[in-house]
Amino acid sequence: MRKIISIILALVVGVILWYLFLKPQDYQVNFKAKAIPGTIFETVKAWNKSFDSIVPVDYISPSHFKQTIFVNDSVHVYEWEINPVHDSLSEVQVNIKDQDHSLNNRLAVPFSDTDFEKSSRKLLLDFNDFLNEHIKGFNVSIEGEEETFSSFCACIQLKTSPEDKAKGMMANYNFLNAILLEKKINLNGPPFVEVLDWDLENNSLSYNFCNPIIRSERLPDHPDIEYKRIFSKNAIKAIYHGNYITSDRAWYAIMDYAKKKNIPIEKKPIEIFYNNPNMGGNELEWTTEVFMPIKESNE
């Protein structure tokens, strides 16, 4: 009997010690979101910029990342885990820890609805409203496998964060067009972006912003312009409608589609833009064709 009591006491002490000192979170919030993991990840990054003190989101994967939020005199770490349910719904789990008052929170949480719990729930309700408003502003449809285009083109190589891709394009749109038009170079299609490197861990994007052109002997010689030929390749295609700032939501949709279909892809998307943002209008009517190249077989 004493042995059984000793085992039970040891288990109780073990559980208490785990809860107070080893449990990874002080509080956990679970909710469903009408978006895929990549869209939620990018929306958390955008929402994160709304705080007075900003710490970049710590990337692990689009489904797992950490966010640091300063709340009054505390530093809260939000660890996000996102599991897709289907193409437009995910289950979100957020494990929250107060770095400076963790033990106090763990002692208080079982016995009352603490200010820590209330503020955490409120912040995540605010985020959910932010996410729902965001997903109203775009839509993505997967078209399946298709060949990309082939063209000679004039390109400017840029490096920005993914969210600043559109700013880089707009900063160089008139510049590139003016130089080509000065030499009477004929355009041969809408502008496009060719991604060279998408570094999610460092939130960095290297890409070519290009205009397809008719090859000519009058090509202007400029140090910032590279002339090259884009060759066609097999890819997964999506149609994105919305502001070009968030067109990478289609990248994540293609990645999810490729994973489900077991299709190996290169994370170097090509985007073709059919509307000029300078003309304004309804952003949901702006059209972007997005291609994610399929890896070629070694055979």
C-alpha atoms as a PDB file:
ATOM      1  CA  MET A   1       0.000   0.000   0.000  1.00  0.00           C
ATOM      2  CA  ARG A   2       2.813   2.398   0.927  1.00  0.00           C
ATOM      3  CA  LYS A   3       4.466   1.629  -2.410  1.00  0.00           C
ATOM      4  CA  ILE A   4       1.298   2.556  -4.313  1.00  0.00           C
ATOM      5  CA  ILE A   5       0.922   5.778  -2.310  1.00  0.00           C
ATOM      6  CA  SER A   6       4.584   6.636  -3.000  1.00  0.00           C
ATOM      7  CA  ILE A   7       4.092   6.070  -6.751  1.00  0.00           C
ATOM      8  CA  ILE A   8       0.958   8.239  -6.778  1.00  0.00           C
ATOM      9  CA  LEU A   9       2.723  11.019  -4.848  1.00  0.00           C
ATOM     10  CA  ALA A  10       5.704  10.835  -7.215  1.00  0.00           C
ATOM     11  CA  LEU A  11       3.361  11.107 -10.210  1.00  0.00           C
ATOM     12  CA  VAL A  12       1.521  14.074  -8.668  1.00  0.00           C
ATOM     13  CA  VAL A  13       4.801  15.842  -7.886  1.00  0.00           C
ATOM     14  CA  GLY A  14       6.037  15.070 -11.397  1.00  0.00           C
ATOM     15  CA  VAL A  15       2.890  16.537 -12.986  1.00  0.00           C
ATOM     16  CA  ILE A  16       3.120  19.663 -10.807  1.00  0.00           C
ATOM     17  CA  LEU A  17       6.789  20.174 -11.658  1.00  0.00           C
ATOM     18  CA  TRP A  18       6.056  19.645 -15.374  1.00  0.00           C
ATOM     19  CA  TYR A  19       3.155  22.109 -15.266  1.00  0.00           C
ATOM     20  CA  LEU A  20       5.110  24.793 -13.397  1.00  0.00           C
ATOM     21  CA  PHE A  21       8.504  24.518 -15.054  1.00  0.00           C
ATOM     22  CA  LEU A  22       8.525  22.294 -18.160  1.00  0.00           C
ATOM     23  CA  LYS A  23       5.181  22.882 -19.884  1.00  0.00           C
ATOM     24  CA  PRO A  24       6.018  24.854 -23.058  1.00  0.00           C
ATOM     25  CA  GLN A  25       3.174  27.367 -22.751  1.00  0.00           C
ATOM     26  CA  ASP A  26       1.364  29.317 -20.063  1.00  0.00           C
ATOM     27  CA  TYR A  27      -1.855  29.429 -22.083  1.00  0.00           C
ATOM     28  CA  GLN A  28      -3.147  27.937 -25.319  1.00  0.00           C
ATOM     29  CA  VAL A  29      -5.709  29.342 -27.766  1.00  0.00           C
ATOM     30  CA  ASN A  30      -7.268  27.251 -30.543  1.00  0.00           C
ATOM     31  CA  PHE A  31      -9.430  28.483 -33.389  1.00  0.00           C
ATOM     32  CA  LYS A  32     -10.320  27.768 -37.017  1.00  0.00           C
ATOM     33  CA  ALA A  33      -9.332  30.155 -39.815  1.00  0.00           C
ATOM     34  CA  LYS A  34     -10.715  30.304 -43.358  1.00  0.00           C
ATOM     35  CA  ALA A  35      -7.286  30.314 -45.015  1.00  0.00           C
ATOM     36  CA  ILE A  36      -4.361  28.038 -45.828  1.00  0.00           C
ATOM     37  CA  PRO A  37      -1.233  28.072 -43.606  1.00  0.00           C
ATOM     38  CA  GLY A  38       0.847  30.252 -45.965  1.00  0.00           C
ATOM     39  CA  THR A  39      -1.810  32.959 -46.062  1.00  0.00           C
ATOM     40  CA  ILE A  40      -2.084  32.902 -42.263  1.00  0.00           C
ATOM     41  CA  PHE A  41       1.705  33.131 -41.938  1.00  0.00           C
ATOM     42  CA  GLU A  42       1.919  36.142 -44.271  1.00  0.00           C
ATOM     43  CA  THR A  43      -1.038  37.799 -42.529  1.00  0.00           C
ATOM     44  CA  VAL A  44       0.611  37.347 -39.121  1.00  0.00           C
ATOM     45  CA  LYS A  45       3.698  39.084 -40.562  1.00  0.00           C
ATOM     46  CA  ALA A  46       1.540  42.008 -41.739  1.00  0.00           C
ATOM     47  CA  TRP A  47      -0.403  42.141 -38.436  1.00  0.00           C
ATOM     48  CA  ASN A  48       2.872  42.043 -36.516  1.00  0.00           C
ATOM     49  CA  LYS A  49       3.820  45.411 -38.037  1.00  0.00           C
ATOM     50  CA  SER A  50       0.829  47.055 -36.329  1.00  0.00           C
ATOM     51  CA  PHE A  51       2.472  46.854 -32.885  1.00  0.00           C
ATOM     52  CA  ASP A  52       4.467  49.732 -31.396  1.00  0.00           C
ATOM     53  CA  SER A  53       7.574  47.600 -30.832  1.00  0.00           C
ATOM     54  CA  ILE A  54       8.254  45.186 -33.671  1.00  0.00           C
ATOM     55  CA  VAL A  55      10.285  41.986 -33.557  1.00  0.00           C
ATOM     56  CA  PRO A  56      10.403  40.075 -36.881  1.00  0.00           C
ATOM     57  CA  VAL A  57       8.432  36.830 -36.937  1.00  0.00           C
ATOM     58  CA  ASP A  58      10.740  33.872 -36.313  1.00  0.00           C
ATOM     59  CA  TYR A  59      10.226  31.555 -39.292  1.00  0.00           C
ATOM     60  CA  ILE A  60      10.361  27.787 -38.882  1.00  0.00           C
ATOM     61  CA  SER A  61       7.918  26.862 -41.645  1.00  0.00           C
ATOM     62  CA  PRO A  62       4.709  28.411 -43.047  1.00  0.00           C
ATOM     63  CA  SER A  63       2.843  26.178 -40.596  1.00  0.00           C
ATOM     64  CA  HIS A  64       5.084  26.791 -37.575  1.00  0.00           C
ATOM     65  CA  PHE A  65       6.557  30.115 -36.494  1.00  0.00           C
ATOM     66  CA  LYS A  66       7.047  32.298 -33.427  1.00  0.00           C
ATOM     67  CA  GLN A  67       5.943  35.861 -32.777  1.00  0.00           C
ATOM     68  CA  THR A  68       7.180  38.148 -29.996  1.00  0.00           C
ATOM     69  CA  ILE A  69       4.720  40.743 -28.677  1.00  0.00           C
ATOM     70  CA  PHE A  70       5.381  43.408 -26.034  1.00  0.00           C
ATOM     71  CA  VAL A  71       2.367  43.822 -23.720  1.00  0.00           C
ATOM     72  CA  ASN A  72       2.777  46.531 -21.046  1.00  0.00           C
ATOM     73  CA  ASP A  73       5.756  45.371 -18.953  1.00  0.00           C
ATOM     74  CA  SER A  74       5.783  41.843 -20.384  1.00  0.00           C
ATOM     75  CA  VAL A  75       7.244  40.025 -23.366  1.00  0.00           C
ATOM     76  CA  HIS A  76       4.852  37.419 -24.741  1.00  0.00           C
ATOM     77  CA  VAL A  77       5.966  34.712 -27.173  1.00  0.00           C
ATOM     78  CA  TYR A  78       3.240  33.339 -29.450  1.00  0.00           C
ATOM     79  CA  GLU A  79       4.156  30.001 -31.026  1.00  0.00           C
ATOM     80  CA  TRP A  80       1.858  29.298 -33.954  1.00  0.00           C
ATOM     81  CA  GLU A  81       1.020  25.788 -35.199  1.00  0.00           C
ATOM     82  CA  ILE A  82      -1.284  25.595 -38.227  1.00  0.00           C
ATOM     83  CA  ASN A  83      -2.807  22.410 -39.644  1.00  0.00           C
ATOM     84  CA  PRO A  84      -4.822  22.546 -42.875  1.00  0.00           C
ATOM     85  CA  VAL A  85      -8.261  20.946 -42.797  1.00  0.00           C
ATOM     86  CA  HIS A  86      -9.014  21.518 -46.491  1.00  0.00           C
ATOM     87  CA  ASP A  87      -8.265  24.058 -49.229  1.00  0.00           C
ATOM     88  CA  SER A  88      -9.872  26.963 -47.388  1.00  0.00           C
ATOM     89  CA  LEU A  89      -9.817  26.040 -43.708  1.00  0.00           C
ATOM     90  CA  SER A  90      -7.058  25.540 -41.142  1.00  0.00           C
ATOM     91  CA  GLU A  91      -6.936  24.682 -37.465  1.00  0.00           C
ATOM     92  CA  VAL A  92      -4.757  27.170 -35.584  1.00  0.00           C
ATOM     93  CA  GLN A  93      -3.105  26.500 -32.249  1.00  0.00           C
ATOM     94  CA  VAL A  94      -1.252  29.340 -30.508  1.00  0.00           C
ATOM     95  CA  ASN A  95       0.879  28.518 -27.479  1.00  0.00           C
ATOM     96  CA  ILE A  96       1.532  31.656 -25.436  1.00  0.00           C
ATOM     97  CA  LYS A  97       4.235  32.233 -22.857  1.00  0.00           C
ATOM     98  CA  ASP A  98       5.016  35.309 -20.790  1.00  0.00           C
ATOM     99  CA  GLN A  99       8.793  35.329 -20.533  1.00  0.00           C
ATOM    100  CA  ASP A 100       8.921  37.419 -17.355  1.00  0.00           C
ATOM    101  CA  HIS A 101       5.836  36.259 -15.435  1.00  0.00           C
ATOM    102  CA  SER A 102       5.443  32.660 -16.521  1.00  0.00           C
ATOM    103  CA  LEU A 103       5.357  31.066 -13.066  1.00  0.00           C
ATOM    104  CA  ASN A 104       2.802  33.578 -11.740  1.00  0.00           C
ATOM    105  CA  ASN A 105       0.567  32.922 -14.755  1.00  0.00           C
ATOM    106  CA  ARG A 106       0.743  29.157 -14.313  1.00  0.00           C
ATOM    107  CA  LEU A 107      -0.199  29.444 -10.665  1.00  0.00           C
ATOM    108  CA  ALA A 108      -3.144  31.754 -11.399  1.00  0.00           C
ATOM    109  CA  VAL A 109      -4.570  30.360 -14.673  1.00  0.00           C
ATOM    110  CA  PRO A 110      -6.278  27.249 -13.150  1.00  0.00           C
ATOM    111  CA  PHE A 111      -8.157  29.337 -10.575  1.00  0.00           C
ATOM    112  CA  SER A 112      -9.278  32.495 -12.411  1.00  0.00           C
ATOM    113  CA  ASP A 113      -9.663  34.135 -15.807  1.00  0.00           C
ATOM    114  CA  THR A 114      -6.519  36.245 -15.595  1.00  0.00           C
ATOM    115  CA  ASP A 115      -5.705  39.503 -17.382  1.00  0.00           C
ATOM    116  CA  PHE A 116      -3.026  37.515 -19.239  1.00  0.00           C
ATOM    117  CA  GLU A 117      -5.655  35.132 -20.622  1.00  0.00           C
ATOM    118  CA  LYS A 118      -8.080  37.946 -21.447  1.00  0.00           C
ATOM    119  CA  SER A 119      -5.488  40.046 -23.285  1.00  0.00           C
ATOM    120  CA  SER A 120      -4.256  36.982 -25.217  1.00  0.00           C
ATOM    121  CA  ARG A 121      -7.773  36.093 -26.350  1.00  0.00           C
ATOM    122  CA  LYS A 122      -8.484  39.694 -27.336  1.00  0.00           C
ATOM    123  CA  LEU A 123      -5.312  39.950 -29.394  1.00  0.00           C
ATOM    124  CA  LEU A 124      -6.116  36.765 -31.280  1.00  0.00           C
ATOM    125  CA  LEU A 125      -9.713  37.850 -31.861  1.00  0.00           C
ATOM    126  CA  ASP A 126      -8.295  41.075 -33.316  1.00  0.00           C
ATOM    127  CA  PHE A 127      -5.997  39.005 -35.515  1.00  0.00           C
ATOM    128  CA  ASN A 128      -8.881  36.857 -36.737  1.00  0.00           C
ATOM    129  CA  ASP A 129     -10.791  40.007 -37.743  1.00  0.00           C
ATOM    130  CA  PHE A 130      -7.634  41.260 -39.515  1.00  0.00           C
ATOM    131  CA  LEU A 131      -7.304  37.933 -41.353  1.00  0.00           C
ATOM    132  CA  ASN A 132     -10.962  37.807 -42.385  1.00  0.00           C
ATOM    133  CA  GLU A 133     -10.736  41.345 -43.781  1.00  0.00           C
ATOM    134  CA  HIS A 134      -7.557  40.450 -45.659  1.00  0.00           C
ATOM    135  CA  ILE A 135      -8.932  37.340 -47.383  1.00  0.00           C
ATOM    136  CA  LYS A 136     -11.855  39.361 -48.756  1.00  0.00           C
ATOM    137  CA  GLY A 137      -9.335  41.281 -50.881  1.00  0.00           C
ATOM    138  CA  PHE A 138      -8.100  38.486 -53.139  1.00  0.00           C
ATOM    139  CA  ASN A 139      -8.916  35.092 -54.589  1.00  0.00           C
ATOM    140  CA  VAL A 140      -6.815  32.291 -56.055  1.00  0.00           C
ATOM    141  CA  SER A 141      -7.767  29.450 -58.387  1.00  0.00           C
ATOM    142  CA  ILE A 142      -5.471  26.580 -59.359  1.00  0.00           C
ATOM    143  CA  GLU A 143      -5.572  25.831 -63.087  1.00  0.00           C
ATOM    144  CA  GLY A 144      -3.342  22.742 -63.087  1.00  0.00           C
ATOM    145  CA  GLU A 145      -0.278  21.985 -65.192  1.00  0.00           C
ATOM    146  CA  GLU A 146       0.573  24.257 -68.131  1.00  0.00           C
ATOM    147  CA  GLU A 147       3.588  25.385 -70.145  1.00  0.00           C
ATOM    148  CA  THR A 148       5.028  28.805 -69.366  1.00  0.00           C
ATOM    149  CA  PHE A 149       5.660  31.306 -72.145  1.00  0.00           C
ATOM    150  CA  SER A 150       8.917  31.830 -74.053  1.00  0.00           C
ATOM    151  CA  SER A 151      10.193  35.303 -74.945  1.00  0.00           C
ATOM    152  CA  PHE A 152      13.178  37.580 -75.307  1.00  0.00           C
ATOM    153  CA  CYS A 153      13.004  40.230 -72.598  1.00  0.00           C
ATOM    154  CA  ALA A 154      14.617  43.198 -70.859  1.00  0.00           C
ATOM    155  CA  CYS A 155      14.998  42.759 -67.102  1.00  0.00           C
ATOM    156  CA  ILE A 156      16.055  44.633 -63.989  1.00  0.00           C
ATOM    157  CA  GLN A 157      17.262  42.479 -61.091  1.00  0.00           C
ATOM    158  CA  LEU A 158      15.891  43.486 -57.679  1.00  0.00           C
ATOM    159  CA  LYS A 159      16.114  42.297 -54.085  1.00  0.00           C
ATOM    160  CA  THR A 160      13.417  43.184 -51.547  1.00  0.00           C
ATOM    161  CA  SER A 161      11.305  41.556 -48.883  1.00  0.00           C
ATOM    162  CA  PRO A 162       8.411  39.546 -50.393  1.00  0.00           C
ATOM    163  CA  GLU A 163       5.900  42.153 -49.205  1.00  0.00           C
ATOM    164  CA  ASP A 164       7.888  44.917 -50.956  1.00  0.00           C
ATOM    165  CA  LYS A 165       8.005  43.123 -54.312  1.00  0.00           C
ATOM    166  CA  ALA A 166       5.258  45.313 -55.790  1.00  0.00           C
ATOM    167  CA  LYS A 167       7.054  48.479 -54.598  1.00  0.00           C
ATOM    168  CA  GLY A 168      10.178  47.340 -56.412  1.00  0.00           C
ATOM    169  CA  MET A 169       8.170  46.753 -59.560  1.00  0.00           C
ATOM    170  CA  MET A 170       6.446  50.130 -59.421  1.00  0.00           C
ATOM    171  CA  ALA A 171       9.725  51.944 -58.735  1.00  0.00           C
ATOM    172  CA  ASN A 172      11.174  50.523 -61.962  1.00  0.00           C
ATOM    173  CA  TYR A 173       8.109  50.279 -64.219  1.00  0.00           C
ATOM    174  CA  ASN A 174       8.342  53.754 -65.743  1.00  0.00           C
ATOM    175  CA  PHE A 175      12.150  53.654 -65.766  1.00  0.00           C
ATOM    176  CA  LEU A 176      12.306  50.442 -67.810  1.00  0.00           C
ATOM    177  CA  ASN A 177       9.527  51.485 -70.178  1.00  0.00           C
ATOM    178  CA  ALA A 178      11.049  54.923 -70.790  1.00  0.00           C
ATOM    179  CA  ILE A 179      14.447  53.512 -71.762  1.00  0.00           C
ATOM    180  CA  LEU A 180      12.912  50.967 -74.128  1.00  0.00           C
ATOM    181  CA  LEU A 181      10.539  53.467 -75.721  1.00  0.00           C
ATOM    182  CA  GLU A 182      13.351  55.975 -76.232  1.00  0.00           C
ATOM    183  CA  LYS A 183      15.006  53.472 -78.568  1.00  0.00           C
ATOM    184  CA  LYS A 184      11.640  52.501 -80.060  1.00  0.00           C
ATOM    185  CA  ILE A 185      11.870  48.938 -78.785  1.00  0.00           C
ATOM    186  CA  ASN A 186       8.575  47.118 -79.320  1.00  0.00           C
ATOM    187  CA  LEU A 187       7.014  45.424 -76.300  1.00  0.00           C
ATOM    188  CA  ASN A 188       5.856  41.846 -76.785  1.00  0.00           C
ATOM    189  CA  GLY A 189       3.502  41.207 -73.869  1.00  0.00           C
ATOM    190  CA  PRO A 190       2.651  42.287 -70.323  1.00  0.00           C
ATOM    191  CA  PRO A 191       5.363  42.757 -67.665  1.00  0.00           C
ATOM    192  CA  PHE A 192       6.309  39.846 -65.485  1.00  0.00           C
ATOM    193  CA  VAL A 193       8.406  38.840 -62.477  1.00  0.00           C
ATOM    194  CA  GLU A 194      10.813  35.917 -62.511  1.00  0.00           C
ATOM    195  CA  VAL A 195      11.761  34.874 -58.960  1.00  0.00           C
ATOM    196  CA  LEU A 196      15.401  33.878 -58.583  1.00  0.00           C
ATOM    197  CA  ASP A 197      15.505  33.145 -54.851  1.00  0.00           C
ATOM    198  CA  TRP A 198      12.738  33.065 -52.243  1.00  0.00           C
ATOM    199  CA  ASP A 199      14.368  32.994 -48.801  1.00  0.00           C
ATOM    200  CA  LEU A 200      11.557  32.525 -46.298  1.00  0.00           C
ATOM    201  CA  GLU A 201      13.863  32.224 -43.306  1.00  0.00           C
ATOM    202  CA  ASN A 202      15.403  35.651 -43.928  1.00  0.00           C
ATOM    203  CA  ASN A 203      12.259  37.182 -45.486  1.00  0.00           C
ATOM    204  CA  SER A 204      14.153  38.053 -48.657  1.00  0.00           C
ATOM    205  CA  LEU A 205      13.256  37.878 -52.331  1.00  0.00           C
ATOM    206  CA  SER A 206      15.555  38.169 -55.364  1.00  0.00           C
ATOM    207  CA  TYR A 207      13.791  38.539 -58.708  1.00  0.00           C
ATOM    208  CA  ASN A 208      13.907  39.911 -62.221  1.00  0.00           C
ATOM    209  CA  PHE A 209      11.288  42.477 -63.206  1.00  0.00           C
ATOM    210  CA  CYS A 210      10.981  42.134 -66.978  1.00  0.00           C
ATOM    211  CA  ASN A 211       9.280  43.361 -70.117  1.00  0.00           C
ATOM    212  CA  PRO A 212       8.978  40.937 -73.051  1.00  0.00           C
ATOM    213  CA  ILE A 213      10.340  42.695 -76.151  1.00  0.00           C
ATOM    214  CA  ILE A 214      10.998  42.161 -79.848  1.00  0.00           C
ATOM    215  CA  ARG A 215      14.720  41.621 -80.259  1.00  0.00           C
ATOM    216  CA  SER A 216      16.381  44.568 -82.008  1.00  0.00           C
ATOM    217  CA  GLU A 217      19.792  45.946 -82.967  1.00  0.00           C
ATOM    218  CA  ARG A 218      18.817  49.171 -81.163  1.00  0.00           C
ATOM    219  CA  LEU A 219      18.744  47.667 -77.654  1.00  0.00           C
ATOM    220  CA  PRO A 220      19.796  50.391 -75.195  1.00  0.00           C
ATOM    221  CA  ASP A 221      23.006  49.766 -73.279  1.00  0.00           C
ATOM    222  CA  HIS A 222      22.297  50.411 -69.613  1.00  0.00           C
ATOM    223  CA  PRO A 223      24.131  48.943 -66.576  1.00  0.00           C
ATOM    224  CA  ASP A 224      20.883  48.095 -64.757  1.00  0.00           C
ATOM    225  CA  ILE A 225      19.234  46.282 -67.666  1.00  0.00           C
ATOM    226  CA  GLU A 226      19.911  42.664 -68.620  1.00  0.00           C
ATOM    227  CA  TYR A 227      18.662  41.122 -71.858  1.00  0.00           C
ATOM    228  CA  LYS A 228      17.821  37.428 -71.773  1.00  0.00           C
ATOM    229  CA  ARG A 229      15.549  34.797 -73.222  1.00  0.00           C
ATOM    230  CA  ILE A 230      12.949  33.083 -71.068  1.00  0.00           C
ATOM    231  CA  PHE A 231      12.373  29.497 -72.175  1.00  0.00           C
ATOM    232  CA  SER A 232       9.109  27.655 -71.665  1.00  0.00           C
ATOM    233  CA  LYS A 233       8.874  24.983 -69.005  1.00  0.00           C
ATOM    234  CA  ASN A 234       6.217  22.811 -67.449  1.00  0.00           C
ATOM    235  CA  ALA A 235       4.616  24.425 -64.398  1.00  0.00           C
ATOM    236  CA  ILE A 236       1.594  24.516 -62.137  1.00  0.00           C
ATOM    237  CA  LYS A 237      -0.545  27.542 -62.964  1.00  0.00           C
ATOM    238  CA  ALA A 238      -2.787  29.643 -60.747  1.00  0.00           C
ATOM    239  CA  ILE A 239      -4.880  32.728 -61.422  1.00  0.00           C
ATOM    240  CA  TYR A 240      -4.680  35.410 -58.744  1.00  0.00           C
ATOM    241  CA  HIS A 241      -7.098  38.335 -58.487  1.00  0.00           C
ATOM    242  CA  GLY A 242      -6.119  41.098 -56.070  1.00  0.00           C
ATOM    243  CA  ASN A 243      -3.447  43.624 -55.202  1.00  0.00           C
ATOM    244  CA  TYR A 244      -0.014  42.657 -56.510  1.00  0.00           C
ATOM    245  CA  ILE A 245       1.435  43.240 -53.032  1.00  0.00           C
ATOM    246  CA  THR A 246      -0.132  39.975 -51.869  1.00  0.00           C
ATOM    247  CA  SER A 247       0.148  37.877 -55.023  1.00  0.00           C
ATOM    248  CA  ASP A 248       2.439  35.481 -53.146  1.00  0.00           C
ATOM    249  CA  ARG A 249      -0.727  34.038 -51.589  1.00  0.00           C
ATOM    250  CA  ALA A 250      -0.990  32.170 -54.902  1.00  0.00           C
ATOM    251  CA  TRP A 251       2.532  30.799 -54.377  1.00  0.00           C
ATOM    252  CA  TYR A 252       1.465  29.122 -51.164  1.00  0.00           C
ATOM    253  CA  ALA A 253      -1.711  27.792 -52.798  1.00  0.00           C
ATOM    254  CA  ILE A 254       0.363  26.193 -55.569  1.00  0.00           C
ATOM    255  CA  MET A 255       2.789  24.732 -53.016  1.00  0.00           C
ATOM    256  CA  ASP A 256      -0.108  23.145 -51.108  1.00  0.00           C
ATOM    257  CA  TYR A 257      -1.579  21.796 -54.355  1.00  0.00           C
ATOM    258  CA  ALA A 258       1.792  20.340 -55.424  1.00  0.00           C
ATOM    259  CA  LYS A 259       2.272  18.693 -52.015  1.00  0.00           C
ATOM    260  CA  LYS A 260      -1.144  17.029 -52.171  1.00  0.00           C
ATOM    261  CA  LYS A 261      -0.515  15.837 -55.736  1.00  0.00           C
ATOM    262  CA  ASN A 262       3.071  14.773 -54.922  1.00  0.00           C
ATOM    263  CA  ILE A 263       4.443  17.030 -57.693  1.00  0.00           C
ATOM    264  CA  PRO A 264       8.049  18.205 -57.176  1.00  0.00           C
ATOM    265  CA  ILE A 265       8.338  21.938 -57.816  1.00  0.00           C
ATOM    266  CA  GLU A 266      10.952  24.682 -57.891  1.00  0.00           C
ATOM    267  CA  LYS A 267      10.022  27.512 -55.549  1.00  0.00           C
ATOM    268  CA  LYS A 268      10.854  30.102 -58.218  1.00  0.00           C
ATOM    269  CA  PRO A 269       7.484  31.415 -59.384  1.00  0.00           C
ATOM    270  CA  ILE A 270       6.852  33.495 -62.480  1.00  0.00           C
ATOM    271  CA  GLU A 271       4.095  36.114 -62.347  1.00  0.00           C
ATOM    272  CA  ILE A 272       2.525  37.842 -65.360  1.00  0.00           C
ATOM    273  CA  PHE A 273       0.632  41.070 -64.619  1.00  0.00           C
ATOM    274  CA  TYR A 274      -2.305  42.131 -66.791  1.00  0.00           C
ATOM    275  CA  ASN A 275      -3.302  45.387 -65.086  1.00  0.00           C
ATOM    276  CA  ASN A 276      -1.496  48.649 -64.372  1.00  0.00           C
ATOM    277  CA  PRO A 277      -2.020  49.558 -60.685  1.00  0.00           C
ATOM    278  CA  ASN A 278      -1.473  53.240 -61.583  1.00  0.00           C
ATOM    279  CA  MET A 279      -4.850  53.131 -63.325  1.00  0.00           C
ATOM    280  CA  GLY A 280      -6.617  52.224 -60.065  1.00  0.00           C
ATOM    281  CA  GLY A 281      -9.901  50.356 -60.183  1.00  0.00           C
ATOM    282  CA  ASN A 282     -11.262  47.366 -58.286  1.00  0.00           C
ATOM    283  CA  GLU A 283      -8.276  45.288 -57.117  1.00  0.00           C
ATOM    284  CA  LEU A 284     -10.342  42.096 -57.318  1.00  0.00           C
ATOM    285  CA  GLU A 285     -10.420  42.676 -61.080  1.00  0.00           C
ATOM    286  CA  TRP A 286      -6.621  42.827 -61.343  1.00  0.00           C
ATOM    287  CA  THR A 287      -5.351  39.591 -62.877  1.00  0.00           C
ATOM    288  CA  THR A 288      -2.041  37.832 -62.348  1.00  0.00           C
ATOM    289  CA  GLU A 289      -1.068  34.530 -63.913  1.00  0.00           C
ATOM    290  CA  VAL A 290       1.246  32.649 -61.543  1.00  0.00           C
ATOM    291  CA  PHE A 291       3.424  29.711 -62.590  1.00  0.00           C
ATOM    292  CA  MET A 292       5.481  27.495 -60.270  1.00  0.00           C
ATOM    293  CA  PRO A 293       7.927  25.413 -62.367  1.00  0.00           C
ATOM    294  CA  ILE A 294       7.855  21.631 -62.013  1.00  0.00           C
ATOM    295  CA  LYS A 295      11.236  20.063 -61.379  1.00  0.00           C
ATOM    296  CA  GLU A 296      12.577  18.264 -64.410  1.00  0.00           C
ATOM    297  CA  SER A 297      13.220  14.561 -64.149  1.00  0.00           C
ATOM    298  CA  ASN A 298      16.873  13.460 -64.089  1.00  0.00           C
ATOM    299  CA  GLU A 299      16.071  10.599 -66.393  1.00  0.00           C
END
